[in-house]
Amino acid sequence: MTPFIFISLMTWLVGGFAIVVPAPPLRQDNVCEIFREQPTWYDHAASSRDRWGTPIAVQMAFVHYESSFRSHIRPPRNQLFGFIPWERPSTAYGYAQALDPAWSDYMAEAGSVLATRDQMKHALDFIGWYNRKTHEQLGIPLNKSDHLYFAYHEGRTGYRRGYHKQKPALQRIAANVATRTKTYQSQLASCEKEFQCRRFYEFGPFCR
């Protein structure tokens, strides 16, 4: 192995995670600043919107409340006898906090072979896919983020049975998701052109 290849490999091993796993955005209250830090996230959100119909602001509000834009997050472990780390309360993982069963359904129906929950591209596509199924099965509009979030959190069967109506804390979170969606939508209207047509081959009808 030549010195150049060795140094390049070590650089990737030591610093590569800064590229592969982006740090959470500094300004999570402003979707324009989020996309300025991570412009490819706009591309992923736009692709999910075009494929499944969920608005970009709804997708990003979901990620904000599910993971705070942290890629490898899992629910904290329960503690046995108050101090021994034990099992996690759920299999939720990644930007979208997708559960194992839902992720398996997504992969079987719509996900790419290389899809992972800790990549924003696939997490946003999962959210779009899940909301599309919710819309088709429950009739919830794809811009009604609070009720989409109820179905996302409780599952579609739980939504049908009204489990969310018995959970004040979840109702508050869903209201916050709706408020965040409106804020993100308003912000995006003022800056979205920055993220469209920024590549040399994107022009005219080829721009999102």
C-alpha atoms as a PDB file:
ATOM      1  CA  MET A   1       0.000   0.000   0.000  1.00  0.00           C
ATOM      2  CA  THR A   2       1.486   3.318  -1.028  1.00  0.00           C
ATOM      3  CA  PRO A   3       1.801   6.114   1.539  1.00  0.00           C
ATOM      4  CA  PHE A   4      -0.752   8.192  -0.368  1.00  0.00           C
ATOM      5  CA  ILE A   5      -3.363   5.432  -0.307  1.00  0.00           C
ATOM      6  CA  PHE A   6      -2.657   4.721   3.370  1.00  0.00           C
ATOM      7  CA  ILE A   7      -3.035   8.379   4.336  1.00  0.00           C
ATOM      8  CA  SER A   8      -6.221   8.677   2.280  1.00  0.00           C
ATOM      9  CA  LEU A   9      -7.670   5.580   3.934  1.00  0.00           C
ATOM     10  CA  MET A  10      -6.850   6.797   7.439  1.00  0.00           C
ATOM     11  CA  THR A  11      -8.311  10.215   6.659  1.00  0.00           C
ATOM     12  CA  TRP A  12     -11.547   8.552   5.584  1.00  0.00           C
ATOM     13  CA  LEU A  13     -11.631   6.293   8.639  1.00  0.00           C
ATOM     14  CA  VAL A  14     -10.974   9.126  11.062  1.00  0.00           C
ATOM     15  CA  GLY A  15     -12.910  11.942   9.437  1.00  0.00           C
ATOM     16  CA  GLY A  16     -15.259  10.233   7.065  1.00  0.00           C
ATOM     17  CA  PHE A  17     -18.130  10.113   9.486  1.00  0.00           C
ATOM     18  CA  ALA A  18     -18.356  13.901   9.294  1.00  0.00           C
ATOM     19  CA  ILE A  19     -19.439  13.357   5.694  1.00  0.00           C
ATOM     20  CA  VAL A  20     -21.358  10.099   6.019  1.00  0.00           C
ATOM     21  CA  VAL A  21     -23.110  11.167   9.229  1.00  0.00           C
ATOM     22  CA  PRO A  22     -23.791  14.924   9.203  1.00  0.00           C
ATOM     23  CA  ALA A  23     -24.009  16.707  12.510  1.00  0.00           C
ATOM     24  CA  PRO A  24     -27.502  17.909  13.442  1.00  0.00           C
ATOM     25  CA  PRO A  25     -28.217  21.379  12.015  1.00  0.00           C
ATOM     26  CA  LEU A  26     -27.400  24.315  14.227  1.00  0.00           C
ATOM     27  CA  ARG A  27     -30.632  26.187  13.406  1.00  0.00           C
ATOM     28  CA  GLN A  28     -33.348  23.567  13.552  1.00  0.00           C
ATOM     29  CA  ASP A  29     -36.015  26.243  13.891  1.00  0.00           C
ATOM     30  CA  ASN A  30     -35.346  27.454  10.337  1.00  0.00           C
ATOM     31  CA  VAL A  31     -35.695  25.059   7.409  1.00  0.00           C
ATOM     32  CA  CYS A  32     -33.830  27.454   5.116  1.00  0.00           C
ATOM     33  CA  GLU A  33     -30.787  27.271   7.394  1.00  0.00           C
ATOM     34  CA  ILE A  34     -31.129  23.489   7.598  1.00  0.00           C
ATOM     35  CA  PHE A  35     -31.014  23.197   3.819  1.00  0.00           C
ATOM     36  CA  ARG A  36     -28.153  25.696   3.603  1.00  0.00           C
ATOM     37  CA  GLU A  37     -26.136  23.420   5.870  1.00  0.00           C
ATOM     38  CA  GLN A  38     -27.266  20.282   4.034  1.00  0.00           C
ATOM     39  CA  PRO A  39     -28.485  21.191   0.530  1.00  0.00           C
ATOM     40  CA  THR A  40     -28.758  17.539  -0.502  1.00  0.00           C
ATOM     41  CA  TRP A  41     -31.452  17.136   2.142  1.00  0.00           C
ATOM     42  CA  TYR A  42     -33.613  19.456   0.054  1.00  0.00           C
ATOM     43  CA  ASP A  43     -33.060  17.190  -2.948  1.00  0.00           C
ATOM     44  CA  HIS A  44     -34.057  14.132  -0.928  1.00  0.00           C
ATOM     45  CA  ALA A  45     -37.170  15.838   0.446  1.00  0.00           C
ATOM     46  CA  ALA A  46     -38.169  17.053  -3.016  1.00  0.00           C
ATOM     47  CA  SER A  47     -37.693  13.557  -4.442  1.00  0.00           C
ATOM     48  CA  SER A  48     -39.865  12.070  -1.704  1.00  0.00           C
ATOM     49  CA  ARG A  49     -42.507  14.740  -2.300  1.00  0.00           C
ATOM     50  CA  ASP A  50     -42.516  14.042  -6.032  1.00  0.00           C
ATOM     51  CA  ARG A  51     -42.744  10.294  -5.456  1.00  0.00           C
ATOM     52  CA  TRP A  52     -45.308  10.145  -2.639  1.00  0.00           C
ATOM     53  CA  GLY A  53     -46.932  13.571  -2.311  1.00  0.00           C
ATOM     54  CA  THR A  54     -46.041  14.621   1.246  1.00  0.00           C
ATOM     55  CA  PRO A  55     -44.966  18.300   1.284  1.00  0.00           C
ATOM     56  CA  ILE A  56     -41.354  19.038   2.157  1.00  0.00           C
ATOM     57  CA  ALA A  57     -42.335  21.031   5.264  1.00  0.00           C
ATOM     58  CA  VAL A  58     -44.317  18.073   6.633  1.00  0.00           C
ATOM     59  CA  GLN A  59     -41.415  15.678   6.096  1.00  0.00           C
ATOM     60  CA  MET A  60     -38.927  17.954   7.819  1.00  0.00           C
ATOM     61  CA  ALA A  61     -41.286  18.623  10.742  1.00  0.00           C
ATOM     62  CA  PHE A  62     -41.579  14.869  11.244  1.00  0.00           C
ATOM     63  CA  VAL A  63     -37.799  14.433  11.319  1.00  0.00           C
ATOM     64  CA  HIS A  64     -37.449  17.367  13.703  1.00  0.00           C
ATOM     65  CA  TYR A  65     -39.780  15.822  16.265  1.00  0.00           C
ATOM     66  CA  GLU A  66     -38.742  12.219  15.736  1.00  0.00           C
ATOM     67  CA  SER A  67     -34.959  12.545  15.938  1.00  0.00           C
ATOM     68  CA  SER A  68     -33.914  16.224  16.053  1.00  0.00           C
ATOM     69  CA  PHE A  69     -31.988  15.396  12.857  1.00  0.00           C
ATOM     70  CA  ARG A  70     -29.759  12.821  14.581  1.00  0.00           C
ATOM     71  CA  SER A  71     -28.998   9.920  12.292  1.00  0.00           C
ATOM     72  CA  HIS A  72     -28.265   7.027  14.665  1.00  0.00           C
ATOM     73  CA  ILE A  73     -30.609   7.771  17.540  1.00  0.00           C
ATOM     74  CA  ARG A  74     -32.515   4.980  19.321  1.00  0.00           C
ATOM     75  CA  PRO A  75     -34.843   5.109  22.334  1.00  0.00           C
ATOM     76  CA  PRO A  76     -32.864   4.961  25.581  1.00  0.00           C
ATOM     77  CA  ARG A  77     -32.684   1.560  27.235  1.00  0.00           C
ATOM     78  CA  ASN A  78     -34.927   0.688  30.137  1.00  0.00           C
ATOM     79  CA  GLN A  79     -33.125   0.010  33.404  1.00  0.00           C
ATOM     80  CA  LEU A  80     -33.448  -3.199  35.386  1.00  0.00           C
ATOM     81  CA  PHE A  81     -33.567  -2.570  39.142  1.00  0.00           C
ATOM     82  CA  GLY A  82     -33.127   1.096  38.374  1.00  0.00           C
ATOM     83  CA  PHE A  83     -29.503   0.930  37.212  1.00  0.00           C
ATOM     84  CA  ILE A  84     -28.789  -2.069  34.921  1.00  0.00           C
ATOM     85  CA  PRO A  85     -29.146  -1.203  31.196  1.00  0.00           C
ATOM     86  CA  TRP A  86     -31.859  -3.422  29.741  1.00  0.00           C
ATOM     87  CA  GLU A  87     -33.924  -3.708  26.578  1.00  0.00           C
ATOM     88  CA  ARG A  88     -35.015  -0.702  24.564  1.00  0.00           C
ATOM     89  CA  PRO A  89     -38.744   0.089  24.649  1.00  0.00           C
ATOM     90  CA  SER A  90     -39.028  -0.096  20.847  1.00  0.00           C
ATOM     91  CA  THR A  91     -37.066  -0.801  17.676  1.00  0.00           C
ATOM     92  CA  ALA A  92     -37.277   2.817  16.479  1.00  0.00           C
ATOM     93  CA  TYR A  93     -34.079   3.939  14.785  1.00  0.00           C
ATOM     94  CA  GLY A  94     -32.648   6.694  12.622  1.00  0.00           C
ATOM     95  CA  TYR A  95     -33.813  10.066  11.362  1.00  0.00           C
ATOM     96  CA  ALA A  96     -37.433   8.926  10.977  1.00  0.00           C
ATOM     97  CA  GLN A  97     -37.456   6.642  14.059  1.00  0.00           C
ATOM     98  CA  ALA A  98     -38.895   3.919  11.844  1.00  0.00           C
ATOM     99  CA  LEU A  99     -39.813   0.703  13.651  1.00  0.00           C
ATOM    100  CA  ASP A 100     -38.472  -2.619  12.398  1.00  0.00           C
ATOM    101  CA  PRO A 101     -41.850  -3.948  11.121  1.00  0.00           C
ATOM    102  CA  ALA A 102     -42.738  -0.739   9.260  1.00  0.00           C
ATOM    103  CA  TRP A 103     -39.251  -0.517   7.800  1.00  0.00           C
ATOM    104  CA  SER A 104     -39.467  -4.128   6.631  1.00  0.00           C
ATOM    105  CA  ASP A 105     -42.778  -3.382   4.897  1.00  0.00           C
ATOM    106  CA  TYR A 106     -41.244  -0.331   3.244  1.00  0.00           C
ATOM    107  CA  MET A 107     -38.231  -2.284   2.059  1.00  0.00           C
ATOM    108  CA  ALA A 108     -40.403  -5.057   0.660  1.00  0.00           C
ATOM    109  CA  GLU A 109     -42.664  -2.632  -1.174  1.00  0.00           C
ATOM    110  CA  ALA A 110     -40.723   0.479  -2.081  1.00  0.00           C
ATOM    111  CA  GLY A 111     -37.222   0.741  -0.583  1.00  0.00           C
ATOM    112  CA  SER A 112     -33.986   0.323  -2.501  1.00  0.00           C
ATOM    113  CA  VAL A 113     -31.674  -2.565  -1.684  1.00  0.00           C
ATOM    114  CA  LEU A 114     -29.180  -0.235  -0.026  1.00  0.00           C
ATOM    115  CA  ALA A 115     -31.711   1.800   1.982  1.00  0.00           C
ATOM    116  CA  THR A 116     -30.826   2.437   5.630  1.00  0.00           C
ATOM    117  CA  ARG A 117     -32.643   4.332   8.350  1.00  0.00           C
ATOM    118  CA  ASP A 118     -29.586   6.423   9.217  1.00  0.00           C
ATOM    119  CA  GLN A 119     -29.450   8.079   5.784  1.00  0.00           C
ATOM    120  CA  MET A 120     -31.660  11.121   5.271  1.00  0.00           C
ATOM    121  CA  LYS A 121     -32.498  10.160   1.691  1.00  0.00           C
ATOM    122  CA  HIS A 122     -34.093   6.899   2.745  1.00  0.00           C
ATOM    123  CA  ALA A 123     -35.641   8.267   5.946  1.00  0.00           C
ATOM    124  CA  LEU A 124     -37.516  10.953   4.022  1.00  0.00           C
ATOM    125  CA  ASP A 125     -38.614   8.476   1.387  1.00  0.00           C
ATOM    126  CA  PHE A 126     -39.910   6.241   4.174  1.00  0.00           C
ATOM    127  CA  ILE A 127     -41.902   9.118   5.676  1.00  0.00           C
ATOM    128  CA  GLY A 128     -43.365   9.904   2.263  1.00  0.00           C
ATOM    129  CA  TRP A 129     -44.249   6.255   1.665  1.00  0.00           C
ATOM    130  CA  TYR A 130     -45.819   5.828   5.105  1.00  0.00           C
ATOM    131  CA  ASN A 131     -47.907   8.976   4.767  1.00  0.00           C
ATOM    132  CA  ARG A 132     -49.058   7.936   1.303  1.00  0.00           C
ATOM    133  CA  LYS A 133     -50.292   4.622   2.735  1.00  0.00           C
ATOM    134  CA  THR A 134     -51.998   6.524   5.546  1.00  0.00           C
ATOM    135  CA  HIS A 135     -53.681   8.821   3.048  1.00  0.00           C
ATOM    136  CA  GLU A 136     -54.886   5.886   0.966  1.00  0.00           C
ATOM    137  CA  GLN A 137     -56.150   3.852   3.915  1.00  0.00           C
ATOM    138  CA  LEU A 138     -57.475   6.555   6.235  1.00  0.00           C
ATOM    139  CA  GLY A 139     -58.158   9.470   3.913  1.00  0.00           C
ATOM    140  CA  ILE A 140     -56.007  11.929   5.876  1.00  0.00           C
ATOM    141  CA  PRO A 141     -54.839  14.764   3.578  1.00  0.00           C
ATOM    142  CA  LEU A 142     -51.091  14.795   2.966  1.00  0.00           C
ATOM    143  CA  ASN A 143     -50.807  18.361   4.280  1.00  0.00           C
ATOM    144  CA  LYS A 144     -52.617  17.671   7.574  1.00  0.00           C
ATOM    145  CA  SER A 145     -49.471  16.991   9.531  1.00  0.00           C
ATOM    146  CA  ASP A 146     -50.998  16.607  13.003  1.00  0.00           C
ATOM    147  CA  HIS A 147     -53.286  13.730  12.022  1.00  0.00           C
ATOM    148  CA  LEU A 148     -50.606  12.190   9.818  1.00  0.00           C
ATOM    149  CA  TYR A 149     -48.375  12.264  12.874  1.00  0.00           C
ATOM    150  CA  PHE A 150     -51.015  10.564  15.016  1.00  0.00           C
ATOM    151  CA  ALA A 151     -51.177   7.718  12.489  1.00  0.00           C
ATOM    152  CA  TYR A 152     -47.379   7.655  12.219  1.00  0.00           C
ATOM    153  CA  HIS A 153     -46.916   7.413  15.970  1.00  0.00           C
ATOM    154  CA  GLU A 154     -49.812   5.121  16.863  1.00  0.00           C
ATOM    155  CA  GLY A 155     -49.984   3.118  13.655  1.00  0.00           C
ATOM    156  CA  ARG A 156     -52.985   3.183  11.340  1.00  0.00           C
ATOM    157  CA  THR A 157     -54.911   0.643  13.399  1.00  0.00           C
ATOM    158  CA  GLY A 158     -54.268   2.689  16.537  1.00  0.00           C
ATOM    159  CA  TYR A 159     -55.470   5.811  14.751  1.00  0.00           C
ATOM    160  CA  ARG A 160     -58.687   4.066  13.674  1.00  0.00           C
ATOM    161  CA  ARG A 161     -59.277   3.014  17.272  1.00  0.00           C
ATOM    162  CA  GLY A 162     -58.671   6.546  18.513  1.00  0.00           C
ATOM    163  CA  TYR A 163     -55.725   5.750  20.764  1.00  0.00           C
ATOM    164  CA  HIS A 164     -54.305   9.235  20.168  1.00  0.00           C
ATOM    165  CA  LYS A 165     -57.407  10.797  21.718  1.00  0.00           C
ATOM    166  CA  GLN A 166     -56.442   9.278  25.066  1.00  0.00           C
ATOM    167  CA  LYS A 167     -52.900  10.670  25.066  1.00  0.00           C
ATOM    168  CA  PRO A 168     -52.637  14.387  25.943  1.00  0.00           C
ATOM    169  CA  ALA A 169     -48.835  14.383  25.608  1.00  0.00           C
ATOM    170  CA  LEU A 170     -49.050  13.000  22.075  1.00  0.00           C
ATOM    171  CA  GLN A 171     -51.722  15.551  21.207  1.00  0.00           C
ATOM    172  CA  ARG A 172     -49.383  18.338  22.293  1.00  0.00           C
ATOM    173  CA  ILE A 173     -46.563  16.925  20.175  1.00  0.00           C
ATOM    174  CA  ALA A 174     -48.833  16.606  17.149  1.00  0.00           C
ATOM    175  CA  ALA A 175     -49.950  20.215  17.618  1.00  0.00           C
ATOM    176  CA  ASN A 176     -46.289  21.225  17.701  1.00  0.00           C
ATOM    177  CA  VAL A 177     -45.671  19.237  14.518  1.00  0.00           C
ATOM    178  CA  ALA A 178     -48.498  21.148  12.841  1.00  0.00           C
ATOM    179  CA  THR A 179     -47.098  24.482  14.024  1.00  0.00           C
ATOM    180  CA  ARG A 180     -43.591  23.506  12.906  1.00  0.00           C
ATOM    181  CA  THR A 181     -44.960  22.495   9.517  1.00  0.00           C
ATOM    182  CA  LYS A 182     -46.570  25.905   9.011  1.00  0.00           C
ATOM    183  CA  THR A 183     -43.365  27.659  10.070  1.00  0.00           C
ATOM    184  CA  TYR A 184     -41.209  25.548   7.764  1.00  0.00           C
ATOM    185  CA  GLN A 185     -43.643  26.055   4.882  1.00  0.00           C
ATOM    186  CA  SER A 186     -43.563  29.827   5.318  1.00  0.00           C
ATOM    187  CA  GLN A 187     -39.766  29.849   5.538  1.00  0.00           C
ATOM    188  CA  LEU A 188     -39.356  27.563   2.539  1.00  0.00           C
ATOM    189  CA  ALA A 189     -41.514  29.853   0.403  1.00  0.00           C
ATOM    190  CA  SER A 190     -38.908  32.574   0.908  1.00  0.00           C
ATOM    191  CA  CYS A 191     -35.807  30.516   0.130  1.00  0.00           C
ATOM    192  CA  GLU A 192     -36.710  27.481  -1.953  1.00  0.00           C
ATOM    193  CA  LYS A 193     -35.340  28.971  -5.173  1.00  0.00           C
ATOM    194  CA  GLU A 194     -31.858  28.792  -3.621  1.00  0.00           C
ATOM    195  CA  PHE A 195     -32.024  25.010  -3.710  1.00  0.00           C
ATOM    196  CA  GLN A 196     -33.646  24.615  -7.106  1.00  0.00           C
ATOM    197  CA  CYS A 197     -31.640  24.656 -10.335  1.00  0.00           C
ATOM    198  CA  ARG A 198     -28.320  24.915  -8.515  1.00  0.00           C
ATOM    199  CA  ARG A 199     -26.624  22.293 -10.686  1.00  0.00           C
ATOM    200  CA  PHE A 200     -25.409  22.947 -14.199  1.00  0.00           C
ATOM    201  CA  TYR A 201     -27.800  20.421 -15.739  1.00  0.00           C
ATOM    202  CA  GLU A 202     -30.897  21.717 -13.929  1.00  0.00           C
ATOM    203  CA  PHE A 203     -32.750  24.309 -15.950  1.00  0.00           C
ATOM    204  CA  GLY A 204     -36.224  25.096 -17.220  1.00  0.00           C
ATOM    205  CA  PRO A 205     -38.608  22.157 -16.965  1.00  0.00           C
ATOM    206  CA  PHE A 206     -35.913  19.995 -15.323  1.00  0.00           C
ATOM    207  CA  CYS A 207     -35.970  22.077 -12.149  1.00  0.00           C
ATOM    208  CA  ARG A 208     -38.080  20.969  -9.232  1.00  0.00           C
END
